[in-house]
N, C-alpha and C. Protein backbone atom coordinates (compact mmCIF):
# COMPACT_ATOMS: atom_id res chain seq x y z
N MET A 1 -110.61 -54.29 171.59
CA MET A 1 -111.44 -53.24 171.10
C MET A 1 -110.72 -51.92 171.32
N LEU A 2 -110.66 -51.14 170.25
CA LEU A 2 -110.10 -49.81 170.34
C LEU A 2 -111.12 -48.80 169.90
N ASP A 3 -111.15 -47.67 170.56
CA ASP A 3 -111.99 -46.55 170.14
C ASP A 3 -111.40 -46.01 168.84
N SER A 4 -112.17 -46.00 167.76
CA SER A 4 -111.63 -45.58 166.46
C SER A 4 -111.29 -44.10 166.41
N ALA A 5 -111.83 -43.30 167.30
CA ALA A 5 -111.52 -41.86 167.32
C ALA A 5 -110.25 -41.57 168.11
N THR A 6 -110.02 -42.33 169.20
CA THR A 6 -108.88 -42.03 170.07
C THR A 6 -107.80 -43.11 170.05
N CYS A 7 -108.12 -44.27 169.48
CA CYS A 7 -107.22 -45.44 169.45
C CYS A 7 -106.92 -45.97 170.85
N LYS A 8 -107.74 -45.62 171.85
CA LYS A 8 -107.57 -46.13 173.20
C LYS A 8 -108.42 -47.38 173.40
N PRO A 9 -107.95 -48.31 174.25
CA PRO A 9 -108.72 -49.53 174.51
C PRO A 9 -110.10 -49.22 175.10
N ILE A 10 -111.06 -50.05 174.76
CA ILE A 10 -112.40 -49.95 175.33
C ILE A 10 -112.56 -51.11 176.32
N ALA A 11 -112.57 -50.78 177.60
CA ALA A 11 -112.76 -51.79 178.64
C ALA A 11 -114.24 -52.04 178.85
N ASN A 12 -114.58 -53.25 179.26
CA ASN A 12 -115.95 -53.66 179.61
C ASN A 12 -116.93 -53.66 178.45
N ALA A 13 -116.44 -53.71 177.22
CA ALA A 13 -117.34 -53.92 176.08
C ALA A 13 -117.71 -55.40 176.09
N ALA A 14 -118.94 -55.73 175.73
CA ALA A 14 -119.37 -57.12 175.67
C ALA A 14 -119.21 -57.61 174.23
N VAL A 15 -118.38 -58.63 174.06
CA VAL A 15 -118.13 -59.21 172.73
C VAL A 15 -118.93 -60.51 172.65
N ASP A 16 -119.83 -60.59 171.71
CA ASP A 16 -120.74 -61.72 171.52
C ASP A 16 -120.31 -62.46 170.25
N ILE A 17 -119.99 -63.75 170.35
CA ILE A 17 -119.65 -64.54 169.17
C ILE A 17 -120.56 -65.75 169.06
N TRP A 18 -120.74 -66.24 167.83
CA TRP A 18 -121.46 -67.48 167.61
C TRP A 18 -121.06 -68.05 166.25
N HIS A 19 -121.12 -69.37 166.16
CA HIS A 19 -120.85 -70.04 164.88
C HIS A 19 -121.52 -71.40 164.88
N CYS A 20 -121.56 -72.01 163.69
CA CYS A 20 -122.25 -73.29 163.55
C CYS A 20 -121.34 -74.46 163.91
N ASP A 21 -121.95 -75.63 164.09
CA ASP A 21 -121.20 -76.85 164.37
C ASP A 21 -120.75 -77.49 163.05
N ALA A 22 -120.15 -78.66 163.11
CA ALA A 22 -119.62 -79.33 161.92
C ALA A 22 -120.70 -79.62 160.88
N GLY A 23 -121.95 -79.76 161.31
CA GLY A 23 -123.05 -80.02 160.39
C GLY A 23 -123.70 -78.76 159.85
N GLY A 24 -123.19 -77.59 160.22
CA GLY A 24 -123.77 -76.34 159.74
C GLY A 24 -124.95 -75.86 160.55
N THR A 25 -125.14 -76.41 161.75
CA THR A 25 -126.28 -76.06 162.60
C THR A 25 -125.88 -75.03 163.64
N TYR A 26 -126.72 -74.00 163.77
CA TYR A 26 -126.54 -72.97 164.81
C TYR A 26 -127.46 -73.27 165.98
N SER A 27 -127.05 -72.94 167.16
CA SER A 27 -127.95 -73.06 168.31
C SER A 27 -128.82 -71.81 168.39
N GLY A 28 -130.00 -71.99 168.98
CA GLY A 28 -130.88 -70.84 169.23
C GLY A 28 -131.61 -70.30 168.02
N VAL A 29 -131.59 -71.01 166.89
CA VAL A 29 -132.30 -70.55 165.68
C VAL A 29 -133.05 -71.71 165.04
N SER A 30 -134.01 -71.40 164.20
CA SER A 30 -134.76 -72.40 163.43
C SER A 30 -135.31 -73.53 164.29
N GLY A 31 -135.86 -73.18 165.43
CA GLY A 31 -136.46 -74.18 166.31
C GLY A 31 -135.46 -74.92 167.18
N ASN A 32 -134.18 -74.65 167.04
CA ASN A 32 -133.16 -75.30 167.86
C ASN A 32 -133.00 -74.49 169.13
N SER A 33 -133.52 -75.00 170.23
CA SER A 33 -133.48 -74.24 171.48
C SER A 33 -132.21 -74.50 172.29
N GLY A 34 -131.33 -75.37 171.78
CA GLY A 34 -130.07 -75.64 172.49
C GLY A 34 -129.18 -74.41 172.51
N ARG A 35 -128.16 -74.46 173.34
CA ARG A 35 -127.23 -73.34 173.41
C ARG A 35 -125.81 -73.90 173.34
N PHE A 36 -125.20 -73.77 172.17
CA PHE A 36 -123.83 -74.24 171.99
C PHE A 36 -123.12 -73.35 170.97
N LEU A 37 -121.81 -73.31 171.06
CA LEU A 37 -120.96 -72.53 170.16
C LEU A 37 -121.34 -71.06 170.12
N ARG A 38 -121.70 -70.54 171.30
CA ARG A 38 -122.02 -69.13 171.51
C ARG A 38 -121.36 -68.68 172.80
N GLY A 39 -121.03 -67.42 172.87
CA GLY A 39 -120.47 -66.92 174.12
C GLY A 39 -120.33 -65.41 174.12
N ILE A 40 -120.31 -64.86 175.31
CA ILE A 40 -120.11 -63.42 175.50
C ILE A 40 -119.02 -63.25 176.55
N GLN A 41 -118.05 -62.41 176.24
CA GLN A 41 -116.99 -62.07 177.18
C GLN A 41 -116.86 -60.56 177.23
N LYS A 42 -116.51 -60.04 178.38
CA LYS A 42 -116.23 -58.60 178.52
C LYS A 42 -114.76 -58.35 178.21
N THR A 43 -114.47 -57.21 177.59
CA THR A 43 -113.09 -56.85 177.33
C THR A 43 -112.41 -56.42 178.62
N ASN A 44 -111.10 -56.65 178.69
CA ASN A 44 -110.33 -56.24 179.86
C ASN A 44 -109.86 -54.79 179.69
N ALA A 45 -109.00 -54.34 180.56
CA ALA A 45 -108.52 -52.96 180.52
C ALA A 45 -107.76 -52.64 179.24
N LYS A 46 -107.23 -53.67 178.58
CA LYS A 46 -106.51 -53.48 177.32
C LYS A 46 -107.43 -53.61 176.10
N GLY A 47 -108.73 -53.82 176.35
CA GLY A 47 -109.69 -53.95 175.26
C GLY A 47 -109.72 -55.33 174.64
N VAL A 48 -109.20 -56.33 175.35
CA VAL A 48 -109.09 -57.68 174.81
C VAL A 48 -110.14 -58.61 175.42
N ALA A 49 -110.79 -59.40 174.57
CA ALA A 49 -111.68 -60.48 175.01
C ALA A 49 -111.21 -61.75 174.32
N SER A 50 -111.12 -62.84 175.05
CA SER A 50 -110.64 -64.11 174.50
C SER A 50 -111.71 -65.18 174.59
N PHE A 51 -111.73 -66.06 173.59
CA PHE A 51 -112.66 -67.18 173.54
C PHE A 51 -111.90 -68.44 173.15
N ASP A 52 -112.27 -69.56 173.72
CA ASP A 52 -111.80 -70.88 173.29
C ASP A 52 -113.01 -71.59 172.72
N THR A 53 -112.89 -72.09 171.49
CA THR A 53 -113.99 -72.78 170.84
C THR A 53 -113.42 -73.78 169.85
N ILE A 54 -114.26 -74.55 169.20
CA ILE A 54 -113.82 -75.47 168.16
C ILE A 54 -113.73 -74.71 166.84
N TYR A 55 -113.10 -75.34 165.86
CA TYR A 55 -113.04 -74.73 164.53
C TYR A 55 -114.46 -74.66 163.99
N PRO A 56 -114.90 -73.52 163.45
CA PRO A 56 -116.28 -73.38 162.98
C PRO A 56 -116.64 -74.36 161.88
N GLY A 57 -117.91 -74.74 161.85
CA GLY A 57 -118.41 -75.59 160.79
C GLY A 57 -118.59 -74.82 159.49
N TRP A 58 -119.09 -75.52 158.48
CA TRP A 58 -119.26 -74.95 157.15
C TRP A 58 -120.60 -75.41 156.59
N TYR A 59 -121.20 -74.58 155.76
CA TYR A 59 -122.39 -75.00 155.05
C TYR A 59 -122.40 -74.36 153.67
N GLN A 60 -123.19 -74.94 152.77
CA GLN A 60 -123.23 -74.52 151.37
C GLN A 60 -123.48 -73.02 151.23
N GLY A 61 -122.67 -72.37 150.41
CA GLY A 61 -122.87 -70.96 150.13
C GLY A 61 -122.11 -70.01 151.03
N ARG A 62 -121.45 -70.51 152.07
CA ARG A 62 -120.70 -69.65 152.99
C ARG A 62 -119.33 -70.25 153.27
N THR A 63 -118.36 -69.39 153.41
CA THR A 63 -117.06 -69.83 153.86
C THR A 63 -117.09 -70.00 155.38
N VAL A 64 -116.11 -70.66 155.94
CA VAL A 64 -116.03 -70.82 157.39
C VAL A 64 -115.98 -69.42 158.01
N HIS A 65 -116.80 -69.18 159.03
CA HIS A 65 -116.86 -67.85 159.62
C HIS A 65 -117.35 -67.91 161.06
N ILE A 66 -117.07 -66.83 161.78
CA ILE A 66 -117.57 -66.62 163.13
C ILE A 66 -118.27 -65.28 163.15
N HIS A 67 -119.49 -65.25 163.68
CA HIS A 67 -120.23 -64.00 163.81
C HIS A 67 -119.75 -63.26 165.05
N VAL A 68 -119.65 -61.95 164.93
CA VAL A 68 -119.18 -61.12 166.05
C VAL A 68 -120.08 -59.90 166.16
N LYS A 69 -120.54 -59.63 167.37
CA LYS A 69 -121.26 -58.39 167.64
C LYS A 69 -120.69 -57.84 168.94
N VAL A 70 -120.46 -56.53 168.97
CA VAL A 70 -119.87 -55.90 170.14
C VAL A 70 -120.85 -54.88 170.70
N TYR A 71 -121.01 -54.90 172.02
CA TYR A 71 -121.89 -53.96 172.70
C TYR A 71 -121.03 -53.03 173.55
N VAL A 72 -121.11 -51.74 173.28
CA VAL A 72 -120.39 -50.73 174.06
C VAL A 72 -121.43 -49.84 174.72
N GLY A 73 -121.41 -49.78 176.04
CA GLY A 73 -122.40 -48.99 176.77
C GLY A 73 -123.82 -49.48 176.51
N GLY A 74 -123.99 -50.78 176.24
CA GLY A 74 -125.30 -51.36 176.00
C GLY A 74 -125.80 -51.22 174.58
N ASN A 75 -125.05 -50.55 173.71
CA ASN A 75 -125.45 -50.36 172.32
C ASN A 75 -124.66 -51.29 171.40
N ALA A 76 -125.37 -51.97 170.51
CA ALA A 76 -124.71 -52.88 169.57
C ALA A 76 -123.97 -52.10 168.51
N GLN A 77 -122.74 -52.53 168.26
CA GLN A 77 -121.94 -51.95 167.18
C GLN A 77 -122.09 -52.85 165.95
N GLU A 78 -121.76 -52.33 164.80
CA GLU A 78 -121.87 -53.10 163.56
C GLU A 78 -121.04 -54.37 163.66
N ARG A 79 -121.57 -55.45 163.09
CA ARG A 79 -120.83 -56.71 163.09
C ARG A 79 -119.57 -56.57 162.24
N ASP A 80 -118.52 -57.16 162.73
CA ASP A 80 -117.25 -57.15 162.01
C ASP A 80 -117.25 -58.31 161.03
N ARG A 81 -116.81 -58.05 159.82
CA ARG A 81 -116.79 -59.09 158.82
C ARG A 81 -115.38 -59.53 158.44
N SER A 82 -114.38 -59.02 159.08
CA SER A 82 -112.99 -59.33 158.73
C SER A 82 -112.36 -60.22 159.78
N LEU A 83 -112.01 -61.42 159.41
CA LEU A 83 -111.33 -62.34 160.32
C LEU A 83 -109.99 -62.72 159.72
N ARG A 84 -108.92 -62.55 160.46
CA ARG A 84 -107.59 -62.91 160.00
C ARG A 84 -107.05 -64.02 160.88
N ARG A 85 -106.33 -64.94 160.29
CA ARG A 85 -105.74 -66.04 161.04
C ARG A 85 -104.31 -65.71 161.43
N HIS A 86 -103.98 -65.95 162.68
CA HIS A 86 -102.63 -65.72 163.20
C HIS A 86 -102.23 -66.91 164.05
N ALA A 87 -100.97 -67.26 164.00
CA ALA A 87 -100.45 -68.32 164.88
C ALA A 87 -99.83 -67.64 166.10
N ARG A 88 -100.22 -68.08 167.28
CA ARG A 88 -99.67 -67.55 168.52
C ARG A 88 -99.54 -68.70 169.50
N ASP A 89 -98.36 -68.88 170.00
CA ASP A 89 -98.11 -69.96 170.96
C ASP A 89 -98.52 -71.33 170.41
N GLY A 90 -98.33 -71.53 169.11
CA GLY A 90 -98.65 -72.82 168.51
C GLY A 90 -100.13 -73.08 168.31
N ARG A 91 -100.98 -72.10 168.56
CA ARG A 91 -102.42 -72.26 168.42
C ARG A 91 -102.92 -71.37 167.29
N GLU A 92 -103.97 -71.80 166.65
CA GLU A 92 -104.58 -70.94 165.64
C GLU A 92 -105.52 -69.97 166.35
N THR A 93 -105.40 -68.72 166.01
CA THR A 93 -106.18 -67.68 166.67
C THR A 93 -106.88 -66.84 165.61
N LEU A 94 -108.14 -66.55 165.81
CA LEU A 94 -108.86 -65.63 164.93
C LEU A 94 -108.81 -64.25 165.57
N VAL A 95 -108.29 -63.29 164.84
CA VAL A 95 -108.18 -61.92 165.33
C VAL A 95 -109.14 -61.06 164.52
N VAL A 96 -110.00 -60.35 165.21
CA VAL A 96 -110.99 -59.52 164.54
C VAL A 96 -110.41 -58.13 164.29
N SER A 97 -110.61 -57.63 163.08
CA SER A 97 -110.07 -56.33 162.71
C SER A 97 -111.09 -55.54 161.92
N ARG A 98 -111.13 -54.23 162.13
CA ARG A 98 -112.01 -53.35 161.36
C ARG A 98 -111.20 -52.46 160.44
N PHE A 99 -109.97 -52.82 160.13
CA PHE A 99 -109.11 -52.02 159.28
C PHE A 99 -108.97 -50.61 159.87
N SER A 100 -108.81 -50.55 161.14
CA SER A 100 -108.71 -49.29 161.84
C SER A 100 -107.39 -48.59 161.56
N ARG A 101 -107.37 -47.31 161.74
CA ARG A 101 -106.14 -46.53 161.60
C ARG A 101 -105.28 -46.64 162.85
N CYS A 102 -105.79 -47.27 163.89
CA CYS A 102 -105.06 -47.38 165.15
C CYS A 102 -103.89 -48.33 165.04
C-alpha cells in the first residue's frame, strides 16, 4: 500500500481479501455461516501484506477474481478492481494495483 499523495508506504493498513471456492461458493453469505477463503493481514513497514490461498473459483457471469478491501485508520478504502498476474520465485502471485503514479 502506498499513499497516493506522497507515494510513501502505508504501514498497519488492514487488507481484507475473499474469494469463492471451486464451486463458486463464498463463505459468510447467503446463509453460509462457514468461514473459508477469507483473510485479513496488516501491512508491514514497506506497505506489503501477503496471503497464501488457493486459486479462486469461478461462476457464471464473472471472471476469476479476488475481492480486496483496505482499511486505513479504520476507514474502508474503495475496493481495487485491478489484479495482475506475476511470476515470482516460481509461484503465481496476484499483485493489486490502482494504476498509481507512484
